[in-house]
Amino acid sequence: PCPLLVPSLSLCPQGMAKNGAEAEIDEGLYSRQLYVLGHEAMKRMQTSNVLVSGLRGLGVEVAKNLVLGGVKSVTLHDPQPAAWADLASQ
């Protein structure tokens, strides 16, 4: 299980072994990324830890795409408190 950091949140995608070691790339799940990036880049992505700071509309979309891309972990940081106006963003 991935650690939960407050107020940050760490998300771990599938594709990494539970012990943190490099796992085989699921070619069915990541076929599009493999076609564009290749196996070497996907292996590097699987071991990457990413921090996304600022979660307005663009930050949320970037974080989503990083998780779907297969990085090891994504830590989200938003220095702004949540407001009602944020409900209109992605």
N, C-alpha and C. Protein backbone atom coordinates (compact mmCIF):
# COMPACT_ATOMS: atom_id res chain seq x y z
N PRO A 1 0.84 -1.20 0.00
CA PRO A 1 0.00 0.00 0.00
C PRO A 1 0.87 1.25 0.00
N CYS A 2 0.37 2.27 -0.63
CA CYS A 2 1.10 3.52 -0.72
C CYS A 2 0.85 4.35 0.52
N PRO A 3 1.85 5.11 0.98
CA PRO A 3 1.65 5.94 2.17
C PRO A 3 0.74 7.11 1.87
N LEU A 4 -0.04 7.50 2.86
CA LEU A 4 -0.93 8.66 2.74
C LEU A 4 -0.29 9.80 3.50
N LEU A 5 0.04 10.87 2.81
CA LEU A 5 0.66 12.03 3.41
C LEU A 5 -0.37 13.13 3.54
N VAL A 6 -0.47 13.76 4.67
CA VAL A 6 -1.43 14.84 4.87
C VAL A 6 -0.65 16.13 5.01
N PRO A 7 -0.91 17.23 4.27
CA PRO A 7 -2.02 17.41 3.36
C PRO A 7 -1.72 16.91 1.96
N SER A 8 -0.56 16.33 1.72
CA SER A 8 -0.24 15.78 0.40
C SER A 8 -0.80 14.38 0.29
N LEU A 9 -0.89 13.89 -0.93
CA LEU A 9 -1.41 12.56 -1.17
C LEU A 9 -0.48 11.84 -2.12
N SER A 10 -0.04 10.66 -1.77
CA SER A 10 0.80 9.87 -2.65
C SER A 10 -0.03 8.79 -3.30
N LEU A 11 0.09 8.65 -4.60
CA LEU A 11 -0.65 7.65 -5.35
C LEU A 11 0.33 6.73 -6.03
N CYS A 12 0.10 5.43 -5.96
CA CYS A 12 0.99 4.47 -6.62
C CYS A 12 0.20 3.73 -7.68
N PRO A 13 0.63 3.82 -8.93
CA PRO A 13 -0.06 3.10 -10.00
C PRO A 13 0.31 1.63 -9.99
N GLN A 14 -0.47 0.86 -10.72
CA GLN A 14 -0.12 -0.54 -10.90
C GLN A 14 1.10 -0.61 -11.81
N GLY A 15 1.79 -1.72 -11.76
CA GLY A 15 2.95 -1.87 -12.62
C GLY A 15 4.24 -1.94 -11.84
N MET A 16 4.22 -1.56 -10.57
CA MET A 16 5.40 -1.68 -9.74
C MET A 16 5.21 -2.88 -8.82
N ALA A 17 6.28 -3.58 -8.54
CA ALA A 17 6.21 -4.69 -7.60
C ALA A 17 5.97 -4.15 -6.21
N LYS A 18 5.35 -4.94 -5.35
CA LYS A 18 5.02 -4.48 -4.00
C LYS A 18 6.26 -4.16 -3.17
N ASN A 19 7.39 -4.78 -3.48
CA ASN A 19 8.61 -4.50 -2.74
C ASN A 19 9.37 -3.31 -3.29
N GLY A 20 8.82 -2.62 -4.32
CA GLY A 20 9.47 -1.45 -4.88
C GLY A 20 10.42 -1.77 -6.02
N ALA A 21 10.64 -3.07 -6.27
CA ALA A 21 11.53 -3.45 -7.36
C ALA A 21 10.84 -3.23 -8.70
N GLU A 22 11.65 -3.18 -9.74
CA GLU A 22 11.10 -2.98 -11.07
C GLU A 22 10.30 -4.19 -11.50
N ALA A 23 9.11 -3.97 -12.00
CA ALA A 23 8.25 -5.04 -12.48
C ALA A 23 8.25 -5.03 -14.00
N GLU A 24 7.73 -6.10 -14.57
CA GLU A 24 7.57 -6.14 -16.01
C GLU A 24 6.53 -5.10 -16.42
N ILE A 25 6.69 -4.53 -17.59
CA ILE A 25 5.75 -3.54 -18.10
C ILE A 25 4.54 -4.28 -18.65
N ASP A 26 3.36 -3.89 -18.21
CA ASP A 26 2.12 -4.47 -18.70
C ASP A 26 1.84 -3.88 -20.08
N GLU A 27 2.17 -4.64 -21.11
CA GLU A 27 2.07 -4.12 -22.48
C GLU A 27 0.64 -3.86 -22.91
N GLY A 28 -0.33 -4.57 -22.34
CA GLY A 28 -1.73 -4.31 -22.65
C GLY A 28 -2.19 -2.99 -22.06
N LEU A 29 -1.74 -2.69 -20.84
CA LEU A 29 -2.14 -1.46 -20.16
C LEU A 29 -1.42 -0.23 -20.70
N TYR A 30 -0.14 -0.37 -21.01
CA TYR A 30 0.67 0.77 -21.41
C TYR A 30 1.08 0.72 -22.89
N SER A 31 0.28 0.10 -23.74
CA SER A 31 0.65 -0.07 -25.15
C SER A 31 0.88 1.25 -25.87
N ARG A 32 0.06 2.25 -25.59
CA ARG A 32 0.22 3.55 -26.26
C ARG A 32 1.50 4.24 -25.84
N GLN A 33 1.79 4.21 -24.54
CA GLN A 33 3.03 4.83 -24.06
C GLN A 33 4.25 4.09 -24.62
N LEU A 34 4.18 2.77 -24.67
CA LEU A 34 5.30 2.00 -25.21
C LEU A 34 5.54 2.32 -26.68
N TYR A 35 4.47 2.51 -27.42
CA TYR A 35 4.60 2.82 -28.85
C TYR A 35 5.32 4.15 -29.05
N VAL A 36 4.99 5.14 -28.22
CA VAL A 36 5.57 6.48 -28.36
C VAL A 36 6.93 6.58 -27.67
N LEU A 37 7.03 6.08 -26.44
CA LEU A 37 8.23 6.29 -25.64
C LEU A 37 9.26 5.17 -25.74
N GLY A 38 8.81 3.93 -25.88
CA GLY A 38 9.71 2.79 -25.90
C GLY A 38 9.89 2.19 -24.51
N HIS A 39 10.47 1.00 -24.47
CA HIS A 39 10.61 0.27 -23.21
C HIS A 39 11.55 0.96 -22.22
N GLU A 40 12.64 1.52 -22.70
CA GLU A 40 13.60 2.15 -21.78
C GLU A 40 12.98 3.33 -21.04
N ALA A 41 12.26 4.18 -21.75
CA ALA A 41 11.61 5.33 -21.11
C ALA A 41 10.53 4.88 -20.14
N MET A 42 9.78 3.83 -20.50
CA MET A 42 8.75 3.32 -19.59
C MET A 42 9.36 2.75 -18.32
N LYS A 43 10.51 2.10 -18.43
CA LYS A 43 11.18 1.58 -17.24
C LYS A 43 11.62 2.73 -16.34
N ARG A 44 12.11 3.81 -16.95
CA ARG A 44 12.50 4.98 -16.15
C ARG A 44 11.29 5.63 -15.51
N MET A 45 10.16 5.69 -16.23
CA MET A 45 8.94 6.26 -15.66
C MET A 45 8.44 5.43 -14.48
N GLN A 46 8.55 4.11 -14.56
CA GLN A 46 8.09 3.24 -13.49
C GLN A 46 8.88 3.44 -12.20
N THR A 47 10.06 4.01 -12.29
CA THR A 47 10.87 4.24 -11.09
C THR A 47 10.89 5.71 -10.68
N SER A 48 10.10 6.55 -11.36
CA SER A 48 10.12 7.99 -11.09
C SER A 48 9.13 8.37 -9.99
N ASN A 49 9.59 9.25 -9.10
CA ASN A 49 8.74 9.86 -8.09
C ASN A 49 8.53 11.31 -8.51
N VAL A 50 7.28 11.76 -8.57
CA VAL A 50 6.97 13.08 -9.12
C VAL A 50 6.22 13.90 -8.07
N LEU A 51 6.57 15.19 -7.95
CA LEU A 51 5.85 16.14 -7.11
C LEU A 51 5.12 17.12 -8.02
N VAL A 52 3.81 17.25 -7.84
CA VAL A 52 3.02 18.24 -8.56
C VAL A 52 2.56 19.26 -7.54
N SER A 53 3.02 20.49 -7.69
CA SER A 53 2.66 21.56 -6.77
C SER A 53 1.73 22.53 -7.46
N GLY A 54 0.59 22.76 -6.87
CA GLY A 54 -0.42 23.63 -7.45
C GLY A 54 -1.46 22.80 -8.17
N LEU A 55 -2.65 22.73 -7.64
CA LEU A 55 -3.65 21.83 -8.19
C LEU A 55 -4.85 22.58 -8.75
N ARG A 56 -4.61 23.64 -9.45
CA ARG A 56 -5.70 24.27 -10.19
C ARG A 56 -6.00 23.37 -11.39
N GLY A 57 -6.74 23.85 -12.35
CA GLY A 57 -7.15 23.02 -13.49
C GLY A 57 -6.01 22.31 -14.19
N LEU A 58 -4.91 23.00 -14.46
CA LEU A 58 -3.78 22.40 -15.17
C LEU A 58 -3.06 21.37 -14.31
N GLY A 59 -2.85 21.68 -13.04
CA GLY A 59 -2.15 20.76 -12.14
C GLY A 59 -2.88 19.45 -11.96
N VAL A 60 -4.20 19.51 -11.89
CA VAL A 60 -5.00 18.29 -11.74
C VAL A 60 -4.87 17.43 -12.99
N GLU A 61 -4.93 18.05 -14.15
CA GLU A 61 -4.82 17.32 -15.42
C GLU A 61 -3.43 16.70 -15.56
N VAL A 62 -2.39 17.44 -15.20
CA VAL A 62 -1.02 16.91 -15.27
C VAL A 62 -0.87 15.72 -14.32
N ALA A 63 -1.38 15.85 -13.10
CA ALA A 63 -1.28 14.75 -12.13
C ALA A 63 -2.00 13.51 -12.64
N LYS A 64 -3.19 13.69 -13.20
CA LYS A 64 -3.95 12.56 -13.74
C LYS A 64 -3.16 11.86 -14.84
N ASN A 65 -2.58 12.63 -15.75
CA ASN A 65 -1.84 12.05 -16.86
C ASN A 65 -0.56 11.35 -16.39
N LEU A 66 0.08 11.87 -15.36
CA LEU A 66 1.26 11.20 -14.80
C LEU A 66 0.90 9.85 -14.20
N VAL A 67 -0.20 9.81 -13.46
CA VAL A 67 -0.64 8.55 -12.86
C VAL A 67 -1.00 7.54 -13.95
N LEU A 68 -1.75 8.00 -14.95
CA LEU A 68 -2.13 7.10 -16.05
C LEU A 68 -0.91 6.67 -16.87
N GLY A 69 0.12 7.50 -16.88
CA GLY A 69 1.33 7.18 -17.62
C GLY A 69 2.18 6.11 -16.98
N GLY A 70 1.97 5.83 -15.69
CA GLY A 70 2.67 4.73 -15.04
C GLY A 70 3.86 5.10 -14.20
N VAL A 71 3.93 6.33 -13.67
CA VAL A 71 5.04 6.66 -12.78
C VAL A 71 4.89 5.91 -11.46
N LYS A 72 5.99 5.77 -10.73
CA LYS A 72 5.99 5.03 -9.48
C LYS A 72 5.09 5.71 -8.44
N SER A 73 5.28 7.00 -8.24
CA SER A 73 4.45 7.71 -7.26
C SER A 73 4.30 9.17 -7.66
N VAL A 74 3.17 9.73 -7.28
CA VAL A 74 2.88 11.14 -7.51
C VAL A 74 2.49 11.74 -6.17
N THR A 75 3.19 12.78 -5.75
CA THR A 75 2.85 13.49 -4.54
C THR A 75 2.21 14.80 -4.94
N LEU A 76 1.02 15.05 -4.40
CA LEU A 76 0.28 16.26 -4.74
C LEU A 76 0.43 17.27 -3.62
N HIS A 77 0.68 18.53 -4.00
CA HIS A 77 0.83 19.62 -3.03
C HIS A 77 0.07 20.82 -3.55
N ASP A 78 -0.81 21.34 -2.73
CA ASP A 78 -1.55 22.54 -3.11
C ASP A 78 -1.50 23.52 -1.94
N PRO A 79 -0.76 24.61 -2.07
CA PRO A 79 -0.64 25.55 -0.96
C PRO A 79 -1.91 26.37 -0.72
N GLN A 80 -2.82 26.37 -1.67
CA GLN A 80 -4.05 27.15 -1.53
C GLN A 80 -5.14 26.30 -0.87
N PRO A 81 -5.87 26.88 0.08
CA PRO A 81 -6.99 26.13 0.66
C PRO A 81 -8.10 25.96 -0.38
N ALA A 82 -8.84 24.87 -0.25
CA ALA A 82 -9.94 24.61 -1.18
C ALA A 82 -11.04 25.66 -1.01
N ALA A 83 -11.64 26.06 -2.12
CA ALA A 83 -12.72 27.06 -2.09
C ALA A 83 -13.85 26.58 -2.99
N TRP A 84 -15.02 27.17 -2.83
CA TRP A 84 -16.18 26.80 -3.63
C TRP A 84 -15.92 27.00 -5.13
N ALA A 85 -15.16 28.00 -5.48
CA ALA A 85 -14.86 28.27 -6.89
C ALA A 85 -14.05 27.14 -7.52
N ASP A 86 -13.34 26.35 -6.70
CA ASP A 86 -12.53 25.25 -7.23
C ASP A 86 -13.39 24.12 -7.78
N LEU A 87 -14.64 24.07 -7.42
CA LEU A 87 -15.52 23.01 -7.91
C LEU A 87 -15.72 23.11 -9.43
N ALA A 88 -15.52 24.28 -10.00
CA ALA A 88 -15.70 24.47 -11.44
C ALA A 88 -14.51 23.98 -12.24
N SER A 89 -13.36 23.78 -11.59
CA SER A 89 -12.18 23.29 -12.32
C SER A 89 -12.23 21.77 -12.41
N GLN A 90 -11.40 21.23 -13.27
CA GLN A 90 -11.39 19.78 -13.49
C GLN A 90 -11.20 19.08 -12.17
